[in-house]
Protein backbone atom coordinates (compact mmCIF):
# COMPACT_ATOMS: atom_id res chain seq x y z
CA MET A 1 -0.01 0.02 0.00
CA PRO A 2 1.42 3.45 -0.92
CA ILE A 3 2.55 5.81 1.84
CA ARG A 4 0.28 8.84 1.98
CA ALA A 5 2.36 11.90 2.81
CA LEU A 6 1.32 15.55 3.15
CA LEU A 7 3.77 18.31 2.40
CA ILE A 8 2.98 21.67 4.07
CA ASP A 9 5.26 24.17 2.37
CA ASP A 10 4.73 27.42 0.42
CA ASP A 11 7.26 26.30 -2.25
CA ALA A 12 5.17 24.93 -5.13
CA LYS A 13 8.22 24.05 -7.23
CA LEU A 14 9.65 21.92 -4.42
CA ALA A 15 6.28 20.18 -4.02
CA SER A 16 6.24 19.30 -7.70
CA LEU A 17 9.83 18.04 -7.64
CA LEU A 18 9.27 15.89 -4.57
CA SER A 19 5.98 14.51 -5.82
CA ALA A 20 7.54 13.42 -9.10
CA TYR A 21 10.45 11.69 -7.35
CA LEU A 22 8.44 9.98 -4.60
CA ALA A 23 5.60 8.63 -6.72
CA PRO A 24 7.62 5.73 -8.27
CA HIS A 25 8.73 4.80 -4.76
CA GLU A 26 5.15 4.29 -3.57
CA VAL A 27 4.83 7.61 -1.74
CA VAL A 28 1.79 9.68 -2.73
CA LEU A 29 2.49 13.32 -1.81
CA ALA A 30 -0.32 15.76 -1.34
CA HIS A 31 0.56 19.46 -1.08
CA ALA A 32 -0.78 22.21 1.13
CA PRO A 33 0.66 25.74 0.48
CA ASP A 34 0.31 26.98 4.06
CA GLY A 35 -0.50 25.97 7.62
CA VAL A 36 -4.22 26.62 7.38
CA HIS A 37 -4.70 24.42 4.37
CA GLY A 38 -2.31 21.84 5.83
CA LEU A 39 -4.32 21.51 9.07
CA ARG A 40 -7.49 21.25 7.01
CA ALA A 41 -6.01 18.45 4.87
CA LEU A 42 -4.75 16.59 7.86
CA GLY A 43 -8.14 16.87 9.58
CA ALA A 44 -9.75 15.20 6.56
CA GLY A 45 -7.78 12.01 7.30
CA GLY A 46 -5.86 9.61 5.18
CA VAL A 47 -2.39 10.96 5.99
CA ASP A 48 0.41 8.62 7.12
CA LEU A 49 3.10 11.27 7.57
CA VAL A 50 3.55 15.03 7.40
CA VAL A 51 6.52 16.89 5.88
CA LEU A 52 6.43 20.38 7.38
CA ASP A 53 8.42 23.46 6.53
CA ILE A 54 9.32 25.79 9.42
CA MET A 55 9.72 29.00 7.43
CA MET A 56 6.31 29.90 6.01
CA PRO A 57 4.46 33.20 5.79
CA GLY A 58 1.61 33.64 8.21
CA MET A 59 1.44 30.67 10.54
CA ASP A 60 4.96 29.22 10.75
CA GLY A 61 5.82 25.54 10.95
CA LEU A 62 6.35 25.42 14.67
CA GLU A 63 2.85 26.80 15.32
CA VAL A 64 1.44 24.34 12.77
CA LEU A 65 3.23 21.50 14.55
CA ARG A 66 1.89 22.63 17.91
CA ARG A 67 -1.65 22.55 16.51
CA ILE A 68 -1.06 19.17 14.85
CA ARG A 69 -0.03 17.66 18.15
CA LEU A 70 -3.31 18.87 19.72
CA GLN A 71 -5.25 16.64 17.33
CA SER A 72 -2.97 13.92 16.02
CA ALA A 73 0.06 11.70 16.67
CA VAL A 74 0.85 11.45 12.96
CA PRO A 75 4.64 11.36 12.34
CA VAL A 76 6.14 14.74 11.31
CA VAL A 77 9.40 15.48 9.51
CA MET A 78 10.37 19.13 9.80
CA LEU A 79 12.14 21.07 7.03
CA THR A 80 14.31 24.01 7.97
CA ALA A 81 16.60 26.38 6.11
CA ARG A 82 17.92 27.79 9.35
CA GLY A 83 21.27 26.85 10.84
CA ASP A 84 20.06 27.72 14.38
CA GLU A 85 19.81 24.55 16.39
CA THR A 86 17.15 26.17 18.56
CA ASP A 87 14.60 25.38 15.86
CA ARG A 88 15.52 21.72 16.00
CA VAL A 89 15.30 21.60 19.76
CA VAL A 90 11.93 23.34 19.80
CA GLY A 91 10.58 21.24 16.92
CA LEU A 92 11.59 17.96 18.56
CA GLU A 93 10.21 19.13 21.89
CA LEU A 94 6.88 20.05 20.28
CA GLY A 95 6.68 16.51 18.96
CA ALA A 96 8.45 16.37 15.59
CA ASP A 97 9.82 12.96 14.76
CA ASP A 98 12.76 14.08 12.62
CA TYR A 99 14.09 17.12 10.75
CA LEU A 100 15.84 17.77 7.49
CA SER A 101 17.71 20.87 6.39
CA LYS A 102 17.00 22.67 3.16
CA PRO A 103 17.85 22.37 0.30
CA VAL A 104 15.98 19.10 0.35
CA TYR A 105 17.37 16.15 -1.61
CA PRO A 106 14.49 13.86 -2.61
CA ARG A 107 16.43 10.70 -2.05
CA GLU A 108 17.28 11.71 1.51
CA LEU A 109 13.74 12.73 2.25
CA LEU A 110 12.55 9.33 1.06
CA ALA A 111 15.00 7.63 3.42
CA ARG A 112 13.83 9.78 6.30
CA ILE A 113 10.19 9.06 5.61
CA ARG A 114 10.78 5.33 5.58
CA ALA A 115 12.94 5.50 8.73
CA VAL A 116 10.38 7.54 10.66
CA LEU A 117 7.52 5.22 9.71
CA ARG A 118 9.57 2.19 10.73
CA ARG A 119 10.39 3.83 14.04
CA THR A 120 6.86 4.95 14.85
CA SER A 121 5.09 1.71 13.72
CA PRO A 122 4.14 -0.50 16.64
CA PRO A 123 6.48 -3.49 16.92
CA ASN A 124 5.11 -6.96 16.63
CA THR A 125 5.43 -7.66 20.35
CA SER A 126 3.28 -7.58 23.44
CA ARG A 127 6.32 -7.43 25.71
CA LYS A 128 6.04 -4.76 28.42
CA LEU A 129 8.94 -3.35 30.43
CA VAL A 130 8.46 -2.84 34.12
CA ILE A 131 11.04 -0.96 36.16
CA ALA A 132 9.80 -0.47 39.73
CA ASP A 133 6.43 1.39 39.32
CA LEU A 134 7.24 2.43 35.74
CA GLU A 135 5.52 0.40 32.99
CA ILE A 136 6.29 0.82 29.31
CA ASP A 137 4.28 -0.76 26.47
CA PRO A 138 6.35 -0.59 23.28
CA GLY A 139 3.50 -1.89 21.14
CA ALA A 140 1.07 0.84 22.25
CA ARG A 141 3.88 3.33 22.71
CA THR A 142 2.59 4.27 26.18
CA ALA A 143 4.28 4.68 29.54
CA GLN A 144 2.83 5.07 33.00
CA ILE A 145 3.91 5.41 36.59
CA GLY A 146 1.41 3.65 38.76
CA ASP A 147 -1.96 4.89 37.45
CA ARG A 148 -0.50 8.05 35.94
CA GLN A 149 -0.17 8.01 32.17
CA LEU A 150 2.87 9.94 30.96
CA ALA A 151 2.28 12.53 28.17
CA LEU A 152 5.41 11.93 26.12
CA THR A 153 6.44 13.17 22.71
CA ALA A 154 7.56 10.54 20.21
CA LEU A 155 11.22 11.41 20.91
CA GLU A 156 10.76 11.31 24.69
CA PHE A 157 9.13 7.90 24.45
CA ASP A 158 12.03 6.58 22.33
CA LEU A 159 14.59 7.99 24.78
CA LEU A 160 12.74 6.42 27.74
CA LEU A 161 12.41 3.08 25.97
CA ALA A 162 16.15 3.05 25.12
CA LEU A 163 16.99 3.73 28.77
CA ALA A 164 14.50 1.17 30.09
CA GLU A 165 15.92 -1.52 27.85
CA ARG A 166 19.28 -0.83 29.51
CA ALA A 167 17.96 -0.12 33.01
CA GLY A 168 20.67 -0.12 35.66
CA ARG A 169 23.43 0.56 33.10
CA VAL A 170 24.95 3.92 32.19
CA VAL A 171 24.11 4.87 28.62
CA PRO A 172 26.54 7.39 27.08
CA ARG A 173 24.95 10.52 25.73
CA ASP A 174 25.77 9.82 22.06
CA ALA A 175 24.83 6.15 22.38
CA LEU A 176 21.50 7.13 23.89
CA TRP A 177 20.59 9.23 20.85
CA ASP A 178 21.51 6.34 18.54
CA ALA A 179 19.62 3.76 20.70
CA ALA A 180 16.53 6.00 20.44
CA GLY A 181 16.65 5.50 16.65
CA ARG A 182 18.07 8.91 15.81
CA ALA A 183 21.44 7.82 14.51
CA ASP A 184 20.76 9.63 11.22
CA THR A 185 20.04 12.91 12.95
CA VAL A 186 23.06 14.95 14.05
CA VAL A 187 22.55 17.07 17.17
CA SER A 188 24.76 18.58 19.86
CA ASP A 189 25.15 17.34 23.40
CA ARG A 190 23.01 20.25 24.54
CA THR A 191 20.07 19.02 22.46
CA VAL A 192 20.26 15.59 24.13
CA ASP A 193 20.54 17.18 27.58
CA VAL A 194 17.48 19.38 26.92
CA HIS A 195 15.27 16.42 25.97
CA VAL A 196 16.48 14.25 28.84
CA SER A 197 15.70 17.19 31.17
CA HIS A 198 12.14 17.39 29.83
CA LEU A 199 11.78 13.59 30.16
CA ARG A 200 13.07 13.76 33.73
CA ALA A 201 10.42 16.39 34.56
CA LYS A 202 7.63 14.20 33.13
CA LEU A 203 8.86 11.27 35.17
CA GLY A 204 8.40 13.48 38.22
CA ASP A 205 12.09 13.57 39.11
CA ASP A 206 12.12 17.33 39.54
CA ALA A 207 10.14 16.93 42.75
CA LYS A 208 11.55 13.56 43.77
CA ASP A 209 14.69 12.54 45.59
CA PRO A 210 16.28 10.20 44.80
CA ALA A 211 15.63 10.49 41.10
CA ARG A 212 14.86 7.50 38.82
CA LEU A 213 16.73 9.03 35.84
CA LYS A 214 20.21 10.04 36.93
CA THR A 215 23.01 11.88 35.16
CA VAL A 216 26.43 10.30 35.61
CA ARG A 217 28.84 13.17 35.19
CA GLY A 218 31.20 12.64 32.28
CA ALA A 219 29.53 9.32 31.38
CA GLY A 220 25.88 9.59 30.45
CA TYR A 221 22.51 8.65 31.94
CA VAL A 222 21.09 5.71 33.82
CA LEU A 223 17.50 4.68 34.57
CA VAL A 224 17.77 3.10 38.01
CA ARG A 225 15.96 -0.12 38.67
CA GLU A 226 14.82 0.72 42.21
CA PRO A 227 14.65 4.43 42.95
CA GLY A 228 15.73 5.00 46.52
């Protein structure tokens, strides 16, 4: 079955180029020229993945992403022409699944689309991970502490799952990013630290001592098996 992708970008020439390249690779690309039309197209259904430009007139891509996440968990690949890593941090924190810098090379975009869909598709397993009172369901992509469901972004869930699969062991910062399935996305140490910090807050560690997710100075991070 073809992948149904939605490109939200004001560049009509880019949309035509990508559509022509992706079609023979079983990716049907619909195009929305701005955020308003993009949200409307997404709301109509039938979209497997969104490719979203950050730099658009009117409603920018980050605001579009924020609104998408209020209504849908559809995978989103961000496009940015900016060199400022802040956009990448904010986009990933708002729930983007990956990003790609412009100019966009169709072959690379195809690879990213396939990688994101593989990563976000539920695995064929019912195995749950239980670490103390933390329970993670990889198939449903959910996590909870006791009866409290954690509201995690796609990236936060992948980071938590990577740590849980290695619970009790220190995971180096760069190895953690790779283990979370982001090996093809280059980011700085600061970016990893920011997302781990947000994950720690959602785990409740900011108000809890001892913490369940610890930083080992100069080494990495560890999800402890028995907090306290």
